[in-house]
Amino acid sequence: MKNLFYSLIVLTVTCGMNCYSQTISGNKSGHDYVDLGLPSGKLWATCNVGATKPIEYGDYFAWGETEPKKIYSWENYKWGRDEGQFMTKYCTKTSEGKVDNKHELDKEDDAAFVNWGKDWRMPTAKEEEELLEGCVWEWTNNYDGTGVAGRVGFSKTNSNIIFLPATGYISGEENSSLGSEGFYWSSSLFKNTMNGSYFLSFANYYIDWRGNKRYAGRSVRAVVNDHPVSKKNSAKKKTK
C-alpha cells in the first residue's frame, strides 16, 4: 500500500513536469536500459529489438525465431509442421509433437540474445509478470507529444519510467491492431494452450499476459542478462 501511495505521488509530480519521458539508467553493449527498482533487480531495455528509440516499433518475430519476415504463418514457422498441429521443438506433450520438455528458449532461438549479443536476452514469463506488477500503468494516445500510442509504466519503487508502444501483431501479412494493442513475447512456453507461448498484452482498457499462436509476429523488449542492479545506478536521462 505504501509503494502504491508513493507511486501515485510520483505519477502526479512526474506528469506535471514531463509525463511520458522514458528514463535511461545506463547502457549495455550499445543499448540503453532502465532500472525500475524491481525486486529481482532486472534491468529492462528502453526500446524494442530492431528499434533505436522508445517510439519505434522495431522488428517482429515468431516465437523461437530470430529474424523478421514478410509473412507469419504456421506454414513457414520454423518449429512447426502440419499447420501448427505438430511441433518439432519446445514441446511437452506427445499429442502436440516431438517431446523435448523445453520450457524456455535456447540462446540460439532468443531474438534478443542473437540480435543484441550475450548481454541481452528475452524476458521470462515470470519477469514479464514482475514488470507488470512493479509499475503503475497508464495508456496514452500521444506518448511525450510524439503521437505514438502505448502503455507507460511508472515504477512503484522509484521515479523511473518505461514506455511500451502499441505495436500490434502480425498474422499473415497484416497488422490489424497497430496503434491500439501491444504484444511482447517472453521466452517461456505457455503450458495450458496448444502451440502457445507467453506474452505481455495490453490495450487502452487492459494490461495482462497470456499465450497463444507461436507463429505470429510480435515485439520483443529485452532485459539485461544476469546483471544485478547497482544502488548507485541512479543517473537518469530522458529521451523520445
C-alpha atoms as a PDB file:
ATOM      1  CA  MET A   1       0.000   0.000   0.000  1.00  0.00           C
ATOM      2  CA  LYS A   2       2.879   2.306   0.862  1.00  0.00           C
ATOM      3  CA  ASN A   3       4.505   1.674  -2.513  1.00  0.00           C
ATOM      4  CA  LEU A   4       1.252   2.336  -4.362  1.00  0.00           C
ATOM      5  CA  PHE A   5       0.759   5.609  -2.478  1.00  0.00           C
ATOM      6  CA  TYR A   6       4.330   6.618  -3.312  1.00  0.00           C
ATOM      7  CA  SER A   7       3.776   5.716  -6.958  1.00  0.00           C
ATOM      8  CA  LEU A   8       0.691   7.900  -7.192  1.00  0.00           C
ATOM      9  CA  ILE A   9       2.689  10.812  -5.807  1.00  0.00           C
ATOM     10  CA  VAL A  10       5.482  10.137  -8.307  1.00  0.00           C
ATOM     11  CA  LEU A  11       2.934   9.861 -11.124  1.00  0.00           C
ATOM     12  CA  THR A  12       1.360  13.211 -10.229  1.00  0.00           C
ATOM     13  CA  VAL A  13       4.655  15.043  -9.851  1.00  0.00           C
ATOM     14  CA  THR A  14       6.192  13.491 -12.955  1.00  0.00           C
ATOM     15  CA  CYS A  15       3.176  14.267 -15.114  1.00  0.00           C
ATOM     16  CA  GLY A  16       3.336  17.853 -14.006  1.00  0.00           C
ATOM     17  CA  MET A  17       6.835  18.102 -15.482  1.00  0.00           C
ATOM     18  CA  ASN A  18       7.155  15.714 -18.416  1.00  0.00           C
ATOM     19  CA  CYS A  19       4.660  12.910 -18.119  1.00  0.00           C
ATOM     20  CA  TYR A  20       5.822  10.423 -20.691  1.00  0.00           C
ATOM     21  CA  SER A  21       9.612  10.654 -20.884  1.00  0.00           C
ATOM     22  CA  GLN A  22      11.366   7.297 -20.916  1.00  0.00           C
ATOM     23  CA  THR A  23      14.082   7.024 -18.265  1.00  0.00           C
ATOM     24  CA  ILE A  24      17.603   5.921 -19.196  1.00  0.00           C
ATOM     25  CA  SER A  25      19.556   4.490 -16.267  1.00  0.00           C
ATOM     26  CA  GLY A  26      22.548   3.153 -18.186  1.00  0.00           C
ATOM     27  CA  ASN A  27      23.826   1.400 -21.302  1.00  0.00           C
ATOM     28  CA  LYS A  28      24.900  -2.162 -22.014  1.00  0.00           C
ATOM     29  CA  SER A  29      26.635  -3.134 -25.256  1.00  0.00           C
ATOM     30  CA  GLY A  30      25.238  -0.102 -27.075  1.00  0.00           C
ATOM     31  CA  HIS A  31      21.648  -0.402 -25.847  1.00  0.00           C
ATOM     32  CA  ASP A  32      20.048   1.723 -23.121  1.00  0.00           C
ATOM     33  CA  TYR A  33      18.257   0.244 -20.119  1.00  0.00           C
ATOM     34  CA  VAL A  34      16.031   1.480 -17.294  1.00  0.00           C
ATOM     35  CA  ASP A  35      16.226   0.461 -13.639  1.00  0.00           C
ATOM     36  CA  LEU A  36      12.649   0.222 -12.338  1.00  0.00           C
ATOM     37  CA  GLY A  37      13.655  -0.926  -8.853  1.00  0.00           C
ATOM     38  CA  LEU A  38      12.144  -4.366  -9.384  1.00  0.00           C
ATOM     39  CA  PRO A  39      12.629  -7.000  -6.636  1.00  0.00           C
ATOM     40  CA  SER A  40      14.745  -9.205  -8.909  1.00  0.00           C
ATOM     41  CA  GLY A  41      16.962  -6.288  -9.901  1.00  0.00           C
ATOM     42  CA  LYS A  42      16.148  -6.916 -13.566  1.00  0.00           C
ATOM     43  CA  LEU A  43      17.034  -4.083 -15.958  1.00  0.00           C
ATOM     44  CA  TRP A  44      14.796  -3.530 -18.995  1.00  0.00           C
ATOM     45  CA  ALA A  45      15.714  -2.144 -22.403  1.00  0.00           C
ATOM     46  CA  THR A  46      14.287   1.272 -23.267  1.00  0.00           C
ATOM     47  CA  CYS A  47      13.297   0.259 -26.799  1.00  0.00           C
ATOM     48  CA  ASN A  48      12.293  -2.843 -28.730  1.00  0.00           C
ATOM     49  CA  VAL A  49      14.671  -5.161 -30.530  1.00  0.00           C
ATOM     50  CA  GLY A  50      15.046  -3.714 -34.019  1.00  0.00           C
ATOM     51  CA  ALA A  51      14.365  -0.161 -32.805  1.00  0.00           C
ATOM     52  CA  THR A  52      16.697   2.665 -31.785  1.00  0.00           C
ATOM     53  CA  LYS A  53      14.163   4.835 -29.948  1.00  0.00           C
ATOM     54  CA  PRO A  54      11.296   4.089 -27.493  1.00  0.00           C
ATOM     55  CA  ILE A  55       8.735   5.373 -30.013  1.00  0.00           C
ATOM     56  CA  GLU A  56       9.856   2.984 -32.770  1.00  0.00           C
ATOM     57  CA  TYR A  57       8.035  -0.335 -33.146  1.00  0.00           C
ATOM     58  CA  GLY A  58      11.119  -2.368 -34.021  1.00  0.00           C
ATOM     59  CA  ASP A  59      11.107  -5.824 -35.584  1.00  0.00           C
ATOM     60  CA  TYR A  60       8.504  -8.578 -35.274  1.00  0.00           C
ATOM     61  CA  PHE A  61       9.443 -12.173 -34.536  1.00  0.00           C
ATOM     62  CA  ALA A  62       7.671 -15.501 -34.410  1.00  0.00           C
ATOM     63  CA  TRP A  63       8.395 -17.192 -31.074  1.00  0.00           C
ATOM     64  CA  GLY A  64      11.721 -19.009 -31.230  1.00  0.00           C
ATOM     65  CA  GLU A  65      12.776 -17.277 -34.456  1.00  0.00           C
ATOM     66  CA  THR A  66      15.466 -14.612 -34.621  1.00  0.00           C
ATOM     67  CA  GLU A  67      14.790 -12.815 -37.899  1.00  0.00           C
ATOM     68  CA  PRO A  68      11.774 -10.780 -39.047  1.00  0.00           C
ATOM     69  CA  LYS A  69       9.937 -11.890 -42.189  1.00  0.00           C
ATOM     70  CA  LYS A  70       7.190 -10.713 -44.540  1.00  0.00           C
ATOM     71  CA  ILE A  71       4.629 -13.425 -43.770  1.00  0.00           C
ATOM     72  CA  TYR A  72       3.906 -15.032 -40.375  1.00  0.00           C
ATOM     73  CA  SER A  73       2.035 -18.315 -40.555  1.00  0.00           C
ATOM     74  CA  TRP A  74       2.107 -21.944 -39.425  1.00  0.00           C
ATOM     75  CA  GLU A  75       3.216 -22.867 -42.934  1.00  0.00           C
ATOM     76  CA  ASN A  76       6.556 -21.070 -42.546  1.00  0.00           C
ATOM     77  CA  TYR A  77       7.008 -21.337 -38.771  1.00  0.00           C
ATOM     78  CA  LYS A  78      10.462 -22.730 -38.004  1.00  0.00           C
ATOM     79  CA  TRP A  79       9.410 -25.132 -35.251  1.00  0.00           C
ATOM     80  CA  GLY A  80       6.072 -26.363 -36.569  1.00  0.00           C
ATOM     81  CA  ARG A  81       4.530 -28.670 -39.142  1.00  0.00           C
ATOM     82  CA  ASP A  82       1.051 -29.558 -40.352  1.00  0.00           C
ATOM     83  CA  GLU A  83      -0.435 -26.089 -39.763  1.00  0.00           C
ATOM     84  CA  GLY A  84       0.598 -25.994 -36.135  1.00  0.00           C
ATOM     85  CA  GLN A  85      -0.565 -29.487 -35.247  1.00  0.00           C
ATOM     86  CA  PHE A  86       2.972 -30.826 -34.786  1.00  0.00           C
ATOM     87  CA  MET A  87       5.852 -29.061 -33.004  1.00  0.00           C
ATOM     88  CA  THR A  88       9.431 -30.086 -33.782  1.00  0.00           C
ATOM     89  CA  LYS A  89      10.918 -28.223 -30.775  1.00  0.00           C
ATOM     90  CA  TYR A  90       9.664 -26.811 -27.474  1.00  0.00           C
ATOM     91  CA  CYS A  91       7.053 -29.477 -26.940  1.00  0.00           C
ATOM     92  CA  THR A  92       5.879 -31.131 -23.713  1.00  0.00           C
ATOM     93  CA  LYS A  93       3.065 -33.388 -24.965  1.00  0.00           C
ATOM     94  CA  THR A  94       3.237 -36.344 -27.350  1.00  0.00           C
ATOM     95  CA  SER A  95      -0.111 -35.293 -28.817  1.00  0.00           C
ATOM     96  CA  GLU A  96       1.439 -31.972 -29.938  1.00  0.00           C
ATOM     97  CA  GLY A  97       4.715 -33.103 -31.471  1.00  0.00           C
ATOM     98  CA  LYS A  98       8.254 -34.211 -30.700  1.00  0.00           C
ATOM     99  CA  VAL A  99       8.634 -34.032 -26.919  1.00  0.00           C
ATOM    100  CA  ASP A 100      11.787 -32.378 -25.610  1.00  0.00           C
ATOM    101  CA  ASN A 101      10.288 -30.795 -22.449  1.00  0.00           C
ATOM    102  CA  LYS A 102      11.973 -27.463 -23.164  1.00  0.00           C
ATOM    103  CA  HIS A 103      10.063 -24.692 -21.389  1.00  0.00           C
ATOM    104  CA  GLU A 104      12.429 -21.801 -22.161  1.00  0.00           C
ATOM    105  CA  LEU A 105      14.048 -20.716 -25.417  1.00  0.00           C
ATOM    106  CA  ASP A 106      17.612 -21.798 -26.093  1.00  0.00           C
ATOM    107  CA  LYS A 107      20.050 -18.924 -26.624  1.00  0.00           C
ATOM    108  CA  GLU A 108      20.263 -19.583 -30.341  1.00  0.00           C
ATOM    109  CA  ASP A 109      16.474 -19.145 -30.613  1.00  0.00           C
ATOM    110  CA  ASP A 110      16.316 -15.970 -28.471  1.00  0.00           C
ATOM    111  CA  ALA A 111      15.762 -12.909 -30.698  1.00  0.00           C
ATOM    112  CA  ALA A 112      17.295 -10.501 -28.167  1.00  0.00           C
ATOM    113  CA  PHE A 113      20.378 -12.639 -27.499  1.00  0.00           C
ATOM    114  CA  VAL A 114      21.029 -13.251 -31.203  1.00  0.00           C
ATOM    115  CA  ASN A 115      20.421  -9.664 -32.372  1.00  0.00           C
ATOM    116  CA  TRP A 116      21.832  -7.696 -29.421  1.00  0.00           C
ATOM    117  CA  GLY A 117      24.517 -10.015 -28.100  1.00  0.00           C
ATOM    118  CA  LYS A 118      25.219 -12.034 -24.975  1.00  0.00           C
ATOM    119  CA  ASP A 119      24.489  -9.172 -22.545  1.00  0.00           C
ATOM    120  CA  TRP A 120      20.804  -9.259 -23.513  1.00  0.00           C
ATOM    121  CA  ARG A 121      18.007 -11.822 -23.698  1.00  0.00           C
ATOM    122  CA  MET A 122      14.230 -12.111 -23.898  1.00  0.00           C
ATOM    123  CA  PRO A 123      12.448 -11.931 -20.519  1.00  0.00           C
ATOM    124  CA  THR A 124      10.825 -14.983 -18.963  1.00  0.00           C
ATOM    125  CA  ALA A 125       7.095 -15.017 -18.260  1.00  0.00           C
ATOM    126  CA  LYS A 126       7.909 -14.531 -14.561  1.00  0.00           C
ATOM    127  CA  GLU A 127       9.961 -11.433 -15.378  1.00  0.00           C
ATOM    128  CA  GLU A 128       7.178 -10.000 -17.533  1.00  0.00           C
ATOM    129  CA  GLU A 129       4.781 -10.577 -14.648  1.00  0.00           C
ATOM    130  CA  GLU A 130       7.187  -8.762 -12.307  1.00  0.00           C
ATOM    131  CA  LEU A 131       7.323  -5.823 -14.736  1.00  0.00           C
ATOM    132  CA  LEU A 132       3.533  -5.764 -14.901  1.00  0.00           C
ATOM    133  CA  GLU A 133       3.149  -5.766 -11.121  1.00  0.00           C
ATOM    134  CA  GLY A 134       6.111  -3.479 -10.419  1.00  0.00           C
ATOM    135  CA  CYS A 135       4.673  -0.442 -12.218  1.00  0.00           C
ATOM    136  CA  VAL A 136       1.541   1.692 -12.286  1.00  0.00           C
ATOM    137  CA  TRP A 137       0.412   1.534 -15.921  1.00  0.00           C
ATOM    138  CA  GLU A 138      -1.263   4.285 -17.919  1.00  0.00           C
ATOM    139  CA  TRP A 139      -2.465   4.235 -21.519  1.00  0.00           C
ATOM    140  CA  THR A 140      -1.508   7.164 -23.738  1.00  0.00           C
ATOM    141  CA  ASN A 141      -2.520   8.044 -27.295  1.00  0.00           C
ATOM    142  CA  ASN A 142       0.286  10.592 -27.519  1.00  0.00           C
ATOM    143  CA  TYR A 143       3.494   9.500 -25.816  1.00  0.00           C
ATOM    144  CA  ASP A 144       5.511  12.596 -24.893  1.00  0.00           C
ATOM    145  CA  GLY A 145       3.923  14.547 -27.735  1.00  0.00           C
ATOM    146  CA  THR A 146       5.089  12.131 -30.447  1.00  0.00           C
ATOM    147  CA  GLY A 147       1.649  10.860 -31.486  1.00  0.00           C
ATOM    148  CA  VAL A 148       2.632   7.264 -30.645  1.00  0.00           C
ATOM    149  CA  ALA A 149       0.148   5.229 -28.582  1.00  0.00           C
ATOM    150  CA  GLY A 150       1.057   2.681 -25.931  1.00  0.00           C
ATOM    151  CA  ARG A 151       1.459   1.980 -22.235  1.00  0.00           C
ATOM    152  CA  VAL A 152       3.604   3.991 -19.825  1.00  0.00           C
ATOM    153  CA  GLY A 153       4.831   2.203 -16.701  1.00  0.00           C
ATOM    154  CA  PHE A 154       5.663   4.265 -13.606  1.00  0.00           C
ATOM    155  CA  SER A 155       7.835   2.338 -11.154  1.00  0.00           C
ATOM    156  CA  LYS A 156       6.266   1.670  -7.757  1.00  0.00           C
ATOM    157  CA  THR A 157       9.640   1.952  -6.018  1.00  0.00           C
ATOM    158  CA  ASN A 158      11.403   4.835  -7.775  1.00  0.00           C
ATOM    159  CA  SER A 159      10.524   7.648 -10.168  1.00  0.00           C
ATOM    160  CA  ASN A 160      11.684   5.838 -13.308  1.00  0.00           C
ATOM    161  CA  ILE A 161       9.513   5.290 -16.376  1.00  0.00           C
ATOM    162  CA  ILE A 162       9.271   2.710 -19.160  1.00  0.00           C
ATOM    163  CA  PHE A 163       7.260   3.051 -22.379  1.00  0.00           C
ATOM    164  CA  LEU A 164       5.897   0.190 -24.487  1.00  0.00           C
ATOM    165  CA  PRO A 165       4.444   1.280 -27.845  1.00  0.00           C
ATOM    166  CA  ALA A 166       1.263  -0.384 -29.101  1.00  0.00           C
ATOM    167  CA  THR A 167       2.981  -2.456 -31.768  1.00  0.00           C
ATOM    168  CA  GLY A 168       0.120  -4.825 -32.562  1.00  0.00           C
ATOM    169  CA  TYR A 169       1.000  -8.225 -34.027  1.00  0.00           C
ATOM    170  CA  ILE A 170       1.286  -9.734 -37.485  1.00  0.00           C
ATOM    171  CA  SER A 171      -0.691 -12.742 -38.680  1.00  0.00           C
ATOM    172  CA  GLY A 172      -0.051 -13.491 -42.314  1.00  0.00           C
ATOM    173  CA  GLU A 173       0.994 -10.109 -43.732  1.00  0.00           C
ATOM    174  CA  GLU A 174      -1.455  -7.934 -41.809  1.00  0.00           C
ATOM    175  CA  ASN A 175      -1.045  -5.984 -38.579  1.00  0.00           C
ATOM    176  CA  SER A 176      -4.634  -5.054 -37.782  1.00  0.00           C
ATOM    177  CA  SER A 177      -4.033  -3.825 -34.212  1.00  0.00           C
ATOM    178  CA  LEU A 178      -1.078  -1.478 -34.748  1.00  0.00           C
ATOM    179  CA  GLY A 179      -1.536   1.575 -32.530  1.00  0.00           C
ATOM    180  CA  SER A 180      -4.340   0.029 -30.479  1.00  0.00           C
ATOM    181  CA  GLU A 181      -2.739  -3.029 -28.826  1.00  0.00           C
ATOM    182  CA  GLY A 182       0.704  -4.239 -27.780  1.00  0.00           C
ATOM    183  CA  PHE A 183       2.065  -7.798 -27.692  1.00  0.00           C
ATOM    184  CA  TYR A 184       5.524  -8.601 -26.294  1.00  0.00           C
ATOM    185  CA  TRP A 185       6.970 -12.111 -26.346  1.00  0.00           C
ATOM    186  CA  SER A 186       8.532 -13.775 -23.320  1.00  0.00           C
ATOM    187  CA  SER A 187      10.975 -16.666 -23.625  1.00  0.00           C
ATOM    188  CA  SER A 188       8.573 -19.048 -21.849  1.00  0.00           C
ATOM    189  CA  LEU A 189       6.378 -21.792 -23.243  1.00  0.00           C
ATOM    190  CA  PHE A 190       2.688 -21.487 -22.348  1.00  0.00           C
ATOM    191  CA  LYS A 191       1.718 -24.705 -20.605  1.00  0.00           C
ATOM    192  CA  ASN A 192      -2.057 -24.634 -20.929  1.00  0.00           C
ATOM    193  CA  THR A 193      -2.616 -23.834 -24.600  1.00  0.00           C
ATOM    194  CA  MET A 194      -1.522 -25.956 -27.530  1.00  0.00           C
ATOM    195  CA  ASN A 195       1.292 -24.340 -29.517  1.00  0.00           C
ATOM    196  CA  GLY A 196       1.284 -21.205 -27.388  1.00  0.00           C
ATOM    197  CA  SER A 197       3.923 -19.103 -25.640  1.00  0.00           C
ATOM    198  CA  TYR A 198       3.586 -16.386 -23.005  1.00  0.00           C
ATOM    199  CA  PHE A 199       3.475 -12.718 -23.962  1.00  0.00           C
ATOM    200  CA  LEU A 200       2.628  -9.406 -22.312  1.00  0.00           C
ATOM    201  CA  SER A 201      -0.536  -7.985 -23.848  1.00  0.00           C
ATOM    202  CA  PHE A 202      -2.300  -4.633 -23.494  1.00  0.00           C
ATOM    203  CA  ALA A 203      -4.741  -2.123 -24.965  1.00  0.00           C
ATOM    204  CA  ASN A 204      -6.272   1.069 -23.600  1.00  0.00           C
ATOM    205  CA  TYR A 205      -8.681  -0.923 -21.396  1.00  0.00           C
ATOM    206  CA  TYR A 206      -6.485  -3.769 -20.075  1.00  0.00           C
ATOM    207  CA  ILE A 207      -2.935  -4.959 -19.462  1.00  0.00           C
ATOM    208  CA  ASP A 208      -2.219  -8.629 -18.772  1.00  0.00           C
ATOM    209  CA  TRP A 209      -0.194 -11.588 -20.006  1.00  0.00           C
ATOM    210  CA  ARG A 210      -1.385 -14.594 -21.952  1.00  0.00           C
ATOM    211  CA  GLY A 211      -0.206 -17.125 -24.510  1.00  0.00           C
ATOM    212  CA  ASN A 212      -1.074 -18.473 -27.962  1.00  0.00           C
ATOM    213  CA  LYS A 213      -0.008 -18.697 -31.619  1.00  0.00           C
ATOM    214  CA  ARG A 214       3.760 -19.108 -31.641  1.00  0.00           C
ATOM    215  CA  TYR A 215       3.859 -18.363 -35.357  1.00  0.00           C
ATOM    216  CA  ALA A 216       2.595 -14.762 -35.021  1.00  0.00           C
ATOM    217  CA  GLY A 217       4.945 -11.809 -35.377  1.00  0.00           C
ATOM    218  CA  ARG A 218       5.191  -9.981 -32.055  1.00  0.00           C
ATOM    219  CA  SER A 219       7.571  -7.499 -30.470  1.00  0.00           C
ATOM    220  CA  VAL A 220      10.496  -8.235 -28.164  1.00  0.00           C
ATOM    221  CA  ARG A 221      11.576  -5.991 -25.277  1.00  0.00           C
ATOM    222  CA  ALA A 222      14.864  -7.320 -23.937  1.00  0.00           C
ATOM    223  CA  VAL A 223      16.320  -7.479 -20.430  1.00  0.00           C
ATOM    224  CA  VAL A 224      19.955  -7.285 -19.386  1.00  0.00           C
ATOM    225  CA  ASN A 225      21.251 -10.829 -18.984  1.00  0.00           C
ATOM    226  CA  ASP A 226      22.175 -11.612 -15.360  1.00  0.00           C
ATOM    227  CA  HIS A 227      23.165  -8.070 -14.473  1.00  0.00           C
ATOM    228  CA  PRO A 228      22.227  -7.026 -10.902  1.00  0.00           C
ATOM    229  CA  VAL A 229      21.009  -3.515 -10.123  1.00  0.00           C
ATOM    230  CA  SER A 230      23.528  -1.198  -8.550  1.00  0.00           C
ATOM    231  CA  LYS A 231      22.228   1.037  -5.788  1.00  0.00           C
ATOM    232  CA  LYS A 232      24.458   3.757  -7.233  1.00  0.00           C
ATOM    233  CA  ASN A 233      22.821   3.417 -10.619  1.00  0.00           C
ATOM    234  CA  SER A 234      20.654   6.497 -10.266  1.00  0.00           C
ATOM    235  CA  ALA A 235      21.775   8.724 -13.133  1.00  0.00           C
ATOM    236  CA  LYS A 236      18.827   9.402 -15.410  1.00  0.00           C
ATOM    237  CA  LYS A 237      18.324  10.935 -18.820  1.00  0.00           C
ATOM    238  CA  LYS A 238      15.174  11.462 -20.823  1.00  0.00           C
ATOM    239  CA  THR A 239      14.664  10.572 -24.434  1.00  0.00           C
ATOM    240  CA  LYS A 240      11.972  10.276 -27.071  1.00  0.00           C
END
